[in-house]
Structures are given as structure tokens and as C-alpha cells.
């Protein structure tokens, strides 16, 4: 490969690997844990903190209650909620912040 092609390839890799700022209000970007290298998502923190971890898991409720929202980072939740680990479900969900 000639030098010109290597420089062009290096520039393309830098552009594709840079965080893609889709939300102008976002300050902190983290690598997307689902897609991986070169793909970034906003991982700013919503205000508040996660509620205490449950000591017991509730029994299944009626289907009328909506399923919890699965998340990885706070911005995937409404501003009044945090993305917190749920020991009963085994993954992170949006929960009301404290």
C-alpha cells in the first residue's frame, strides 16, 4: 500500500472511531456496550441516586402493569429516573431516583 492510501485509511479510522455527537446537550460519551468499538452513546448522569437494592423479589404481578424499561445508561431513562441494576431481573432498568 502506498503512503497516500495509508494516510487516507488512518483518517477514515479516526473519523469513524470518534464519538458521534447526536445529542448536543450530552457532555460525557461512553462506548456502546451493545455495538462496541467506534460507536458511542451519551452516558451523562441523571440527578439523584438509585433506590436501595431489594431484599426480596416480588412475585409476578398481573400483566396490566407495564414491563420495566431496560437500560444501560441514565439518558435512556426519563430525567427523573436512574438506570439501576435490578437484582431480581438480572439487568439494569429505569427506576425512580432518590
PDB file of N, CA and C in Angstrom:
ATOM      1  N   UNK A   1       0.841  -1.170   0.000  1.00  0.00           N
ATOM      2  CA  UNK A   1       0.000   0.000   0.000  1.00  0.00           C
ATOM      3  C   UNK A   1       0.891   1.240   0.000  1.00  0.00           C
ATOM      4  N   UNK A   2       0.506   2.232  -0.774  1.00  0.00           N
ATOM      5  CA  UNK A   2       1.335   3.436  -0.797  1.00  0.00           C
ATOM      6  C   UNK A   2       0.992   4.346   0.380  1.00  0.00           C
ATOM      7  N   UNK A   3       1.798   5.338   0.601  1.00  0.00           N
ATOM      8  CA  UNK A   3       1.654   6.242   1.743  1.00  0.00           C
ATOM      9  C   UNK A   3       0.332   6.999   1.704  1.00  0.00           C
ATOM     10  N   UNK A   4      -0.074   7.410   0.526  1.00  0.00           N
ATOM     11  CA  UNK A   4      -1.341   8.155   0.395  1.00  0.00           C
ATOM     12  C   UNK A   4      -2.518   7.296   0.849  1.00  0.00           C
ATOM     13  N   UNK A   5      -2.553   6.049   0.474  1.00  0.00           N
ATOM     14  CA  UNK A   5      -3.637   5.144   0.861  1.00  0.00           C
ATOM     15  C   UNK A   5      -3.628   4.898   2.365  1.00  0.00           C
ATOM     16  N   UNK A   6      -2.439   4.755   2.961  1.00  0.00           N
ATOM     17  CA  UNK A   6      -2.337   4.561   4.405  1.00  0.00           C
ATOM     18  C   UNK A   6      -2.846   5.776   5.173  1.00  0.00           C
ATOM     19  N   UNK A   7      -2.503   6.978   4.710  1.00  0.00           N
ATOM     20  CA  UNK A   7      -2.961   8.206   5.360  1.00  0.00           C
ATOM     21  C   UNK A   7      -4.477   8.308   5.257  1.00  0.00           C
ATOM     22  N   UNK A   8      -5.028   8.031   4.099  1.00  0.00           N
ATOM     23  CA  UNK A   8      -6.478   8.070   3.899  1.00  0.00           C
ATOM     24  C   UNK A   8      -7.172   7.047   4.796  1.00  0.00           C
ATOM     25  N   UNK A   9      -6.635   5.867   4.897  1.00  0.00           N
ATOM     26  CA  UNK A   9      -7.195   4.822   5.757  1.00  0.00           C
ATOM     27  C   UNK A   9      -7.134   5.223   7.229  1.00  0.00           C
ATOM     28  N   UNK A  10      -6.038   5.815   7.653  1.00  0.00           N
ATOM     29  CA  UNK A  10      -5.898   6.268   9.043  1.00  0.00           C
ATOM     30  C   UNK A  10      -6.896   7.373   9.358  1.00  0.00           C
ATOM     31  N   UNK A  11      -7.089   8.307   8.439  1.00  0.00           N
ATOM     32  CA  UNK A  11      -8.062   9.388   8.650  1.00  0.00           C
ATOM     33  C   UNK A  11      -9.476   8.831   8.757  1.00  0.00           C
ATOM     34  N   UNK A  12      -9.814   7.892   7.911  1.00  0.00           N
ATOM     35  CA  UNK A  12     -11.146   7.282   7.947  1.00  0.00           C
ATOM     36  C   UNK A  12     -11.369   6.558   9.269  1.00  0.00           C
ATOM     37  N   UNK A  13     -10.374   5.866   9.759  1.00  0.00           N
ATOM     38  CA  UNK A  13     -10.499   5.145  11.033  1.00  0.00           C
ATOM     39  C   UNK A  13     -10.696   6.113  12.193  1.00  0.00           C
ATOM     40  N   UNK A  14     -10.003   7.267  12.149  1.00  0.00           N
ATOM     41  CA  UNK A  14     -10.163   8.253  13.221  1.00  0.00           C
ATOM     42  C   UNK A  14     -11.554   8.857  13.203  1.00  0.00           C
ATOM     43  N   UNK A  15     -12.089   9.151  12.045  1.00  0.00           N
ATOM     44  CA  UNK A  15     -13.427   9.743  11.938  1.00  0.00           C
ATOM     45  C   UNK A  15     -14.481   8.745  12.374  1.00  0.00           C
ATOM     46  N   UNK A  16     -14.381   7.517  11.916  1.00  0.00           N
ATOM     47  CA  UNK A  16     -15.374   6.502  12.272  1.00  0.00           C
ATOM     48  C   UNK A  16     -15.291   6.109  13.735  1.00  0.00           C
ATOM     49  N   UNK A  17     -14.127   6.205  14.333  1.00  0.00           N
ATOM     50  CA  UNK A  17     -13.963   5.829  15.732  1.00  0.00           C
ATOM     51  C   UNK A  17     -14.266   6.946  16.711  1.00  0.00           C
ATOM     52  N   UNK A  18     -14.465   8.160  16.213  1.00  0.00           N
ATOM     53  CA  UNK A  18     -14.739   9.298  17.096  1.00  0.00           C
ATOM     54  C   UNK A  18     -16.180   9.258  17.573  1.00  0.00           C
ATOM     55  N   UNK A  19     -16.443   9.760  18.781  1.00  0.00           N
ATOM     56  CA  UNK A  19     -17.815   9.811  19.271  1.00  0.00           C
ATOM     57  C   UNK A  19     -18.693  10.608  18.322  1.00  0.00           C
ATOM     58  N   UNK A  20     -19.838  10.075  18.002  1.00  0.00           N
ATOM     59  CA  UNK A  20     -20.793  10.758  17.156  1.00  0.00           C
ATOM     60  C   UNK A  20     -21.754  11.515  18.058  1.00  0.00           C
ATOM     61  N   UNK A  21     -21.661  12.819  18.057  1.00  0.00           N
ATOM     62  CA  UNK A  21     -22.453  13.630  18.959  1.00  0.00           C
ATOM     63  C   UNK A  21     -23.849  13.817  18.388  1.00  0.00           C
ATOM     64  N   UNK A  22     -24.803  13.004  18.835  1.00  0.00           N
ATOM     65  CA  UNK A  22     -26.168  13.083  18.340  1.00  0.00           C
ATOM     66  C   UNK A  22     -27.031  13.970  19.224  1.00  0.00           C
ATOM     67  N   UNK A  23     -26.632  14.172  20.454  1.00  0.00           N
ATOM     68  CA  UNK A  23     -27.382  14.985  21.396  1.00  0.00           C
ATOM     69  C   UNK A  23     -26.481  16.133  21.830  1.00  0.00           C
ATOM     70  N   UNK A  24     -26.819  17.349  21.407  1.00  0.00           N
ATOM     71  CA  UNK A  24     -25.954  18.487  21.689  1.00  0.00           C
ATOM     72  C   UNK A  24     -25.854  18.799  23.178  1.00  0.00           C
ATOM     73  N   UNK A  25     -26.783  18.294  23.999  1.00  0.00           N
ATOM     74  CA  UNK A  25     -26.727  18.559  25.432  1.00  0.00           C
ATOM     75  C   UNK A  25     -25.853  17.543  26.177  1.00  0.00           C
ATOM     76  N   UNK A  26     -25.399  16.522  25.498  1.00  0.00           N
ATOM     77  CA  UNK A  26     -24.592  15.482  26.136  1.00  0.00           C
ATOM     78  C   UNK A  26     -23.170  15.972  26.367  1.00  0.00           C
ATOM     79  N   UNK A  27     -22.629  15.663  27.548  1.00  0.00           N
ATOM     80  CA  UNK A  27     -21.274  16.058  27.902  1.00  0.00           C
ATOM     81  C   UNK A  27     -20.337  14.856  27.876  1.00  0.00           C
ATOM     82  N   UNK A  28     -20.802  13.720  28.369  1.00  0.00           N
ATOM     83  CA  UNK A  28     -19.962  12.537  28.510  1.00  0.00           C
ATOM     84  C   UNK A  28     -20.441  11.423  27.579  1.00  0.00           C
ATOM     85  N   UNK A  29     -19.548  10.923  26.742  1.00  0.00           N
ATOM     86  CA  UNK A  29     -19.864   9.813  25.844  1.00  0.00           C
ATOM     87  C   UNK A  29     -19.108   8.568  26.284  1.00  0.00           C
ATOM     88  N   UNK A  30     -19.766   7.403  26.188  1.00  0.00           N
ATOM     89  CA  UNK A  30     -19.153   6.119  26.521  1.00  0.00           C
ATOM     90  C   UNK A  30     -19.347   5.177  25.342  1.00  0.00           C
ATOM     91  N   UNK A  31     -18.449   4.226  25.232  1.00  0.00           N
ATOM     92  CA  UNK A  31     -18.577   3.246  24.162  1.00  0.00           C
ATOM     93  C   UNK A  31     -19.851   2.440  24.357  1.00  0.00           C
ATOM     94  N   UNK A  32     -20.588   2.247  23.284  1.00  0.00           N
ATOM     95  CA  UNK A  32     -21.842   1.493  23.329  1.00  0.00           C
ATOM     96  C   UNK A  32     -21.526   0.038  23.671  1.00  0.00           C
ATOM     97  N   UNK A  33     -22.053  -0.486  24.802  1.00  0.00           N
ATOM     98  CA  UNK A  33     -21.740  -1.860  25.198  1.00  0.00           C
ATOM     99  C   UNK A  33     -22.373  -2.909  24.298  1.00  0.00           C
ATOM    100  N   UNK A  34     -23.344  -2.518  23.496  1.00  0.00           N
ATOM    101  CA  UNK A  34     -24.007  -3.474  22.608  1.00  0.00           C
ATOM    102  C   UNK A  34     -23.289  -3.546  21.266  1.00  0.00           C
ATOM    103  N   UNK A  35     -23.042  -2.385  20.665  1.00  0.00           N
ATOM    104  CA  UNK A  35     -22.424  -2.343  19.334  1.00  0.00           C
ATOM    105  C   UNK A  35     -20.914  -2.477  19.417  1.00  0.00           C
ATOM    106  N   UNK A  36     -20.305  -1.775  20.391  1.00  0.00           N
ATOM    107  CA  UNK A  36     -18.876  -1.929  20.597  1.00  0.00           C
ATOM    108  C   UNK A  36     -18.025  -0.839  19.985  1.00  0.00           C
ATOM    109  N   UNK A  37     -16.796  -1.199  19.656  1.00  0.00           N
ATOM    110  CA  UNK A  37     -15.757  -0.262  19.240  1.00  0.00           C
ATOM    111  C   UNK A  37     -16.240   0.708  18.174  1.00  0.00           C
ATOM    112  N   UNK A  38     -15.985   1.993  18.424  1.00  0.00           N
ATOM    113  CA  UNK A  38     -16.289   3.009  17.429  1.00  0.00           C
ATOM    114  C   UNK A  38     -17.689   3.576  17.504  1.00  0.00           C
ATOM    115  N   UNK A  39     -18.542   3.018  18.338  1.00  0.00           N
ATOM    116  CA  UNK A  39     -19.910   3.514  18.485  1.00  0.00           C
ATOM    117  C   UNK A  39     -20.084   4.004  19.917  1.00  0.00           C
ATOM    118  N   UNK A  40     -20.522   5.237  20.053  1.00  0.00           N
ATOM    119  CA  UNK A  40     -20.627   5.854  21.369  1.00  0.00           C
ATOM    120  C   UNK A  40     -22.048   6.316  21.651  1.00  0.00           C
ATOM    121  N   UNK A  41     -22.399   6.332  22.927  1.00  0.00           N
ATOM    122  CA  UNK A  41     -23.703   6.795  23.375  1.00  0.00           C
ATOM    123  C   UNK A  41     -23.498   7.795  24.505  1.00  0.00           C
ATOM    124  N   UNK A  42     -24.517   8.628  24.724  1.00  0.00           N
ATOM    125  CA  UNK A  42     -24.449   9.583  25.818  1.00  0.00           C
ATOM    126  C   UNK A  42     -24.569   8.823  27.131  1.00  0.00           C
ATOM    127  N   UNK A  43     -23.672   9.097  28.073  1.00  0.00           N
ATOM    128  CA  UNK A  43     -23.738   8.419  29.370  1.00  0.00           C
ATOM    129  C   UNK A  43     -23.677   9.419  30.520  1.00  0.00           C
ATOM    130  N   UNK A  44     -24.251  10.628  30.274  1.00  0.00           N
ATOM    131  CA  UNK A  44     -24.362  11.610  31.353  1.00  0.00           C
ATOM    132  C   UNK A  44     -25.201  11.023  32.480  1.00  0.00           C
ATOM    133  N   UNK A  45     -25.020  11.543  33.679  1.00  0.00           N
ATOM    134  CA  UNK A  45     -25.758  11.060  34.838  1.00  0.00           C
ATOM    135  C   UNK A  45     -27.018  11.893  35.066  1.00  0.00           C
ATOM    136  N   UNK A  46     -28.168  11.246  35.250  1.00  0.00           N
ATOM    137  CA  UNK A  46     -29.375  11.943  35.672  1.00  0.00           C
ATOM    138  C   UNK A  46     -29.216  12.281  37.146  1.00  0.00           C
ATOM    139  N   UNK A  47     -29.906  13.331  37.628  1.00  0.00           N
ATOM    140  CA  UNK A  47     -29.782  13.692  39.046  1.00  0.00           C
ATOM    141  C   UNK A  47     -30.314  12.602  39.969  1.00  0.00           C
ATOM    142  N   UNK A  48     -29.832  12.596  41.191  1.00  0.00           N
ATOM    143  CA  UNK A  48     -30.304  11.643  42.196  1.00  0.00           C
ATOM    144  C   UNK A  48     -29.442  10.402  42.270  1.00  0.00           C
ATOM    145  N   UNK A  49     -29.962   9.401  42.967  1.00  0.00           N
ATOM    146  CA  UNK A  49     -29.244   8.139  43.112  1.00  0.00           C
ATOM    147  C   UNK A  49     -30.234   6.982  42.990  1.00  0.00           C
ATOM    148  N   UNK A  50     -29.701   5.796  42.800  1.00  0.00           N
ATOM    149  CA  UNK A  50     -30.546   4.601  42.668  1.00  0.00           C
ATOM    150  C   UNK A  50     -31.176   4.271  44.022  1.00  0.00           C
ATOM    151  N   UNK A  51     -32.388   3.709  43.997  1.00  0.00           N
ATOM    152  CA  UNK A  51     -33.013   3.289  45.251  1.00  0.00           C
ATOM    153  C   UNK A  51     -32.245   2.115  45.859  1.00  0.00           C
ATOM    154  N   UNK A  52     -32.461   1.848  47.148  1.00  0.00           N
ATOM    155  CA  UNK A  52     -31.782   0.705  47.778  1.00  0.00           C
ATOM    156  C   UNK A  52     -32.130  -0.602  47.053  1.00  0.00           C
ATOM    157  N   UNK A  53     -31.191  -1.531  47.083  1.00  0.00           N
ATOM    158  CA  UNK A  53     -31.393  -2.835  46.448  1.00  0.00           C
ATOM    159  C   UNK A  53     -32.450  -3.613  47.238  1.00  0.00           C
ATOM    160  N   UNK A  54     -33.355  -4.257  46.518  1.00  0.00           N
ATOM    161  CA  UNK A  54     -34.412  -5.031  47.179  1.00  0.00           C
ATOM    162  C   UNK A  54     -33.829  -6.209  47.941  1.00  0.00           C
ATOM    163  N   UNK A  55     -34.456  -6.539  49.063  1.00  0.00           N
ATOM    164  CA  UNK A  55     -34.044  -7.708  49.838  1.00  0.00           C
ATOM    165  C   UNK A  55     -34.778  -8.954  49.372  1.00  0.00           C
ATOM    166  N   UNK A  56     -35.982  -8.749  48.834  1.00  0.00           N
ATOM    167  CA  UNK A  56     -36.784  -9.861  48.312  1.00  0.00           C
ATOM    168  C   UNK A  56     -37.339  -9.471  46.959  1.00  0.00           C
ATOM    169  N   UNK A  57     -37.500 -10.444  46.113  1.00  0.00           N
ATOM    170  CA  UNK A  57     -38.081 -10.193  44.798  1.00  0.00           C
ATOM    171  C   UNK A  57     -39.594 -10.391  44.881  1.00  0.00           C
ATOM    172  N   UNK A  58     -40.377  -9.431  44.357  1.00  0.00           N
ATOM    173  CA  UNK A  58     -41.832  -9.587  44.389  1.00  0.00           C
ATOM    174  C   UNK A  58     -42.275 -10.700  43.451  1.00  0.00           C
ATOM    175  N   UNK A  59     -43.404 -11.295  43.768  1.00  0.00           N
ATOM    176  CA  UNK A  59     -43.964 -12.304  42.864  1.00  0.00           C
ATOM    177  C   UNK A  59     -44.451 -11.603  41.611  1.00  0.00           C
ATOM    178  N   UNK A  60     -44.596 -12.361  40.532  1.00  0.00           N
ATOM    179  CA  UNK A  60     -45.077 -11.771  39.279  1.00  0.00           C
ATOM    180  C   UNK A  60     -46.430 -11.128  39.507  1.00  0.00           C
ATOM    181  N   UNK A  61     -46.556  -9.898  39.008  1.00  0.00           N
ATOM    182  CA  UNK A  61     -47.820  -9.187  39.115  1.00  0.00           C
ATOM    183  C   UNK A  61     -48.630  -9.420  37.859  1.00  0.00           C
ATOM    184  N   UNK A  62     -49.851  -8.928  37.859  1.00  0.00           N
ATOM    185  CA  UNK A  62     -50.711  -9.052  36.686  1.00  0.00           C
ATOM    186  C   UNK A  62     -50.069  -8.357  35.493  1.00  0.00           C
ATOM    187  N   UNK A  63     -50.390  -8.794  34.309  1.00  0.00           N
ATOM    188  CA  UNK A  63     -49.813  -8.238  33.090  1.00  0.00           C
ATOM    189  C   UNK A  63     -50.243  -6.793  32.844  1.00  0.00           C
ATOM    190  N   UNK A  64     -51.195  -6.271  33.628  1.00  0.00           N
ATOM    191  CA  UNK A  64     -51.654  -4.898  33.428  1.00  0.00           C
ATOM    192  C   UNK A  64     -50.552  -3.889  33.752  1.00  0.00           C
ATOM    193  N   UNK A  65     -49.620  -4.261  34.607  1.00  0.00           N
ATOM    194  CA  UNK A  65     -48.508  -3.365  34.929  1.00  0.00           C
ATOM    195  C   UNK A  65     -47.484  -3.447  33.799  1.00  0.00           C
ATOM    196  N   UNK A  66     -47.012  -2.283  33.354  1.00  0.00           N
ATOM    197  CA  UNK A  66     -46.084  -2.276  32.230  1.00  0.00           C
ATOM    198  C   UNK A  66     -44.738  -2.877  32.632  1.00  0.00           C
ATOM    199  N   UNK A  67     -44.072  -3.467  31.668  1.00  0.00           N
ATOM    200  CA  UNK A  67     -42.765  -4.077  31.897  1.00  0.00           C
ATOM    201  C   UNK A  67     -41.733  -2.979  32.157  1.00  0.00           C
ATOM    202  N   UNK A  68     -40.711  -3.244  32.969  1.00  0.00           N
ATOM    203  CA  UNK A  68     -39.684  -2.233  33.231  1.00  0.00           C
ATOM    204  C   UNK A  68     -38.879  -1.929  31.963  1.00  0.00           C
ATOM    205  N   UNK A  69     -38.383  -0.711  31.876  1.00  0.00           N
ATOM    206  CA  UNK A  69     -37.579  -0.287  30.731  1.00  0.00           C
ATOM    207  C   UNK A  69     -36.137  -0.723  30.945  1.00  0.00           C
ATOM    208  N   UNK A  70     -35.628  -1.552  30.057  1.00  0.00           N
ATOM    209  CA  UNK A  70     -34.236  -1.995  30.127  1.00  0.00           C
ATOM    210  C   UNK A  70     -33.347  -0.843  29.665  1.00  0.00           C
ATOM    211  N   UNK A  71     -32.226  -0.632  30.353  1.00  0.00           N
ATOM    212  CA  UNK A  71     -31.328   0.471  30.012  1.00  0.00           C
ATOM    213  C   UNK A  71     -29.880   0.059  30.258  1.00  0.00           C
ATOM    214  N   UNK A  72     -28.974   0.897  29.788  1.00  0.00           N
ATOM    215  CA  UNK A  72     -27.543   0.726  30.043  1.00  0.00           C
ATOM    216  C   UNK A  72     -27.010   1.963  30.757  1.00  0.00           C
ATOM    217  N   UNK A  73     -27.469   3.150  30.333  1.00  0.00           N
ATOM    218  CA  UNK A  73     -27.038   4.421  30.898  1.00  0.00           C
ATOM    219  C   UNK A  73     -28.250   5.284  31.231  1.00  0.00           C
ATOM    220  N   UNK A  74     -28.071   6.249  32.140  1.00  0.00           N
ATOM    221  CA  UNK A  74     -29.143   7.140  32.586  1.00  0.00           C
ATOM    222  C   UNK A  74     -29.906   7.843  31.461  1.00  0.00           C
ATOM    223  N   UNK A  75     -29.268   8.368  30.406  1.00  0.00           N
ATOM    224  CA  UNK A  75     -30.019   9.105  29.387  1.00  0.00           C
ATOM    225  C   UNK A  75     -31.102   8.276  28.677  1.00  0.00           C
ATOM    226  N   UNK A  76     -31.076   6.971  28.834  1.00  0.00           N
ATOM    227  CA  UNK A  76     -32.118   6.128  28.239  1.00  0.00           C
ATOM    228  C   UNK A  76     -33.397   6.148  29.075  1.00  0.00           C
ATOM    229  N   UNK A  77     -33.331   6.762  30.253  1.00  0.00           N
ATOM    230  CA  UNK A  77     -34.461   6.846  31.177  1.00  0.00           C
ATOM    231  C   UNK A  77     -34.972   8.286  31.207  1.00  0.00           C
ATOM    232  N   UNK A  78     -36.234   8.476  31.666  1.00  0.00           N
ATOM    233  CA  UNK A  78     -36.699   9.845  31.882  1.00  0.00           C
ATOM    234  C   UNK A  78     -35.774  10.557  32.870  1.00  0.00           C
ATOM    235  N   UNK A  79     -35.730  11.874  32.815  1.00  0.00           N
ATOM    236  CA  UNK A  79     -34.804  12.666  33.636  1.00  0.00           C
ATOM    237  C   UNK A  79     -34.990  12.434  35.135  1.00  0.00           C
ATOM    238  N   UNK A  80     -36.189  12.025  35.565  1.00  0.00           N
ATOM    239  CA  UNK A  80     -36.472  11.799  36.988  1.00  0.00           C
ATOM    240  C   UNK A  80     -36.112  10.388  37.436  1.00  0.00           C
ATOM    241  N   UNK A  81     -35.542   9.587  36.529  1.00  0.00           N
ATOM    242  CA  UNK A  81     -35.181   8.212  36.861  1.00  0.00           C
ATOM    243  C   UNK A  81     -33.699   7.971  36.623  1.00  0.00           C
ATOM    244  N   UNK A  82     -33.199   6.895  37.212  1.00  0.00           N
ATOM    245  CA  UNK A  82     -31.816   6.458  37.052  1.00  0.00           C
ATOM    246  C   UNK A  82     -31.816   5.058  36.442  1.00  0.00           C
ATOM    247  N   UNK A  83     -30.747   4.712  35.747  1.00  0.00           N
ATOM    248  CA  UNK A  83     -30.564   3.365  35.215  1.00  0.00           C
ATOM    249  C   UNK A  83     -29.839   2.559  36.285  1.00  0.00           C
ATOM    250  N   UNK A  84     -30.571   1.655  36.943  1.00  0.00           N
ATOM    251  CA  UNK A  84     -30.044   0.941  38.113  1.00  0.00           C
ATOM    252  C   UNK A  84     -30.145  -0.573  37.914  1.00  0.00           C
ATOM    253  N   UNK A  85     -29.196  -1.281  38.493  1.00  0.00           N
ATOM    254  CA  UNK A  85     -29.222  -2.743  38.455  1.00  0.00           C
ATOM    255  C   UNK A  85     -30.413  -3.260  39.252  1.00  0.00           C
ATOM    256  N   UNK A  86     -31.141  -4.203  38.692  1.00  0.00           N
ATOM    257  CA  UNK A  86     -32.248  -4.843  39.401  1.00  0.00           C
ATOM    258  C   UNK A  86     -31.846  -6.291  39.654  1.00  0.00           C
ATOM    259  N   UNK A  87     -31.633  -6.633  40.924  1.00  0.00           N
ATOM    260  CA  UNK A  87     -31.150  -7.975  41.254  1.00  0.00           C
ATOM    261  C   UNK A  87     -32.180  -9.048  40.932  1.00  0.00           C
ATOM    262  N   UNK A  88     -33.443  -8.698  40.964  1.00  0.00           N
ATOM    263  CA  UNK A  88     -34.489  -9.689  40.686  1.00  0.00           C
ATOM    264  C   UNK A  88     -34.573  -9.999  39.192  1.00  0.00           C
ATOM    265  N   UNK A  89     -34.389  -8.971  38.363  1.00  0.00           N
ATOM    266  CA  UNK A  89     -34.483  -9.166  36.916  1.00  0.00           C
ATOM    267  C   UNK A  89     -33.153  -9.574  36.295  1.00  0.00           C
ATOM    268  N   UNK A  90     -32.057  -9.235  36.975  1.00  0.00           N
ATOM    269  CA  UNK A  90     -30.744  -9.615  36.460  1.00  0.00           C
ATOM    270  C   UNK A  90     -30.198  -8.681  35.394  1.00  0.00           C
ATOM    271  N   UNK A  91     -30.745  -7.467  35.277  1.00  0.00           N
ATOM    272  CA  UNK A  91     -30.235  -6.469  34.343  1.00  0.00           C
ATOM    273  C   UNK A  91     -30.614  -5.082  34.851  1.00  0.00           C
ATOM    274  N   UNK A  92     -30.116  -4.042  34.190  1.00  0.00           N
ATOM    275  CA  UNK A  92     -30.431  -2.682  34.590  1.00  0.00           C
ATOM    276  C   UNK A  92     -31.796  -2.252  34.046  1.00  0.00           C
ATOM    277  N   UNK A  93     -32.528  -1.481  34.863  1.00  0.00           N
ATOM    278  CA  UNK A  93     -33.816  -0.934  34.460  1.00  0.00           C
ATOM    279  C   UNK A  93     -33.922   0.505  34.952  1.00  0.00           C
ATOM    280  N   UNK A  94     -34.840   1.264  34.353  1.00  0.00           N
ATOM    281  CA  UNK A  94     -35.093   2.635  34.790  1.00  0.00           C
ATOM    282  C   UNK A  94     -35.920   2.593  36.071  1.00  0.00           C
ATOM    283  N   UNK A  95     -35.396   3.278  37.090  1.00  0.00           N
ATOM    284  CA  UNK A  95     -36.081   3.326  38.397  1.00  0.00           C
ATOM    285  C   UNK A  95     -36.150   4.768  38.866  1.00  0.00           C
ATOM    286  N   UNK A  96     -37.199   5.106  39.647  1.00  0.00           N
ATOM    287  CA  UNK A  96     -37.324   6.456  40.194  1.00  0.00           C
ATOM    288  C   UNK A  96     -36.105   6.753  41.049  1.00  0.00           C
ATOM    289  N   UNK A  97     -35.503   7.927  40.819  1.00  0.00           N
ATOM    290  CA  UNK A  97     -34.316   8.290  41.595  1.00  0.00           C
ATOM    291  C   UNK A  97     -34.697   8.796  42.978  1.00  0.00           C
ATOM    292  N   UNK A  98     -33.732   8.759  43.857  1.00  0.00           N
ATOM    293  CA  UNK A  98     -33.955   9.216  45.245  1.00  0.00           C
ATOM    294  C   UNK A  98     -33.195  10.492  45.482  1.00  0.00           C
TER     295      UNK A  98
END
